[in-house]
Amino acid sequence: MTLEVRSVSFAYDGTSALREVSAAFEATQLVALTGPNGSGKSTLLKLIARVFAPLSGEILFDGRRLREWPAREYARHVGYLPQDPDPAFPMRAIDVVVSGRAPFLGRFAWERDADYDEAERALELCDAAYLASRYLDEMSGGERKRVFLARVLAGRPRLILLDEPLASLDVSHVQQFSRLLRDIVQRTGATVLYATHDLNWAAAYCDRMLVMQQGTLAIDGAPDQVMRPDVIARYFGFQAEAVNAGGRDWLVPRV
């Protein structure tokens, strides 16, 4: 799998959201997309997911421009989880997850046993097999996150796009979900690109961190290039101290 973002720009009603963003991604990576609110993280994910089309520049997947990919074929390779999937409709987890097999079904076809097998496999990957018969409105926020991630994984995508999957989770679930993303990359060989504000947990598990700043890509590097007090002050606007624990530097806000 290869993904190339080449000088991509985008605007909402004339207001610039992304400006000349370029980056390249290869197979089997966990990449955290970080930056302040309004820096362009969600917009970049939506462009890669083909929710929007760039105003200028190109995005290529496996060497083909996104506009050259038929929608159903692209959906077989790329899975996208938006920031706020509807958590309330009364469906069982297994039925939510199997709906992720839609790109592989004919126009009027129903899910087969093999599709349910894939759904069960995806729930197991997310450590959520015990939720299969539970309804979404009976679950905690962390459990629903796992179900919606399993829905993405049911299609066995090679590229997984997640928009703030750690939002609204308590600290324990943030840690568990961060580790889960690392495990998914290792188990499936997929590349996961996810937006997050949880810098410490991103740095603990990811291979790369991209820092967005006012619609531009300011930093694309290893976690130790980002997790420095001077970088945090410059791009995130707060003072922090680096504290070493477990052989890793963690950033703690300076009070």
Foldseek 3Di string as FASTA:
>chain_A
DKKWWAQFWAADPPHTQAGGATDMDDWLFEEEEEFDPSLRQLVVLCCVLVVDPTPDTFMDDPRHTPVPDDNLRVLLAEFEDEPDDPQADWDQLLVLQLVLCVSVDDPPDDDDPVSSVLLCVLCVLLVRNVRRGPTSNVDDLLNSLSSNSSSRCSSLHQEYEYEASVPPPDPVSSLVVLVSVLSCSVVRRHYYYYYHHPLQSCLVRGQWYWYGANNYTDDIGHSVVCPDQVNCCVGVNFGWDWDDDPNDTDTDGDD
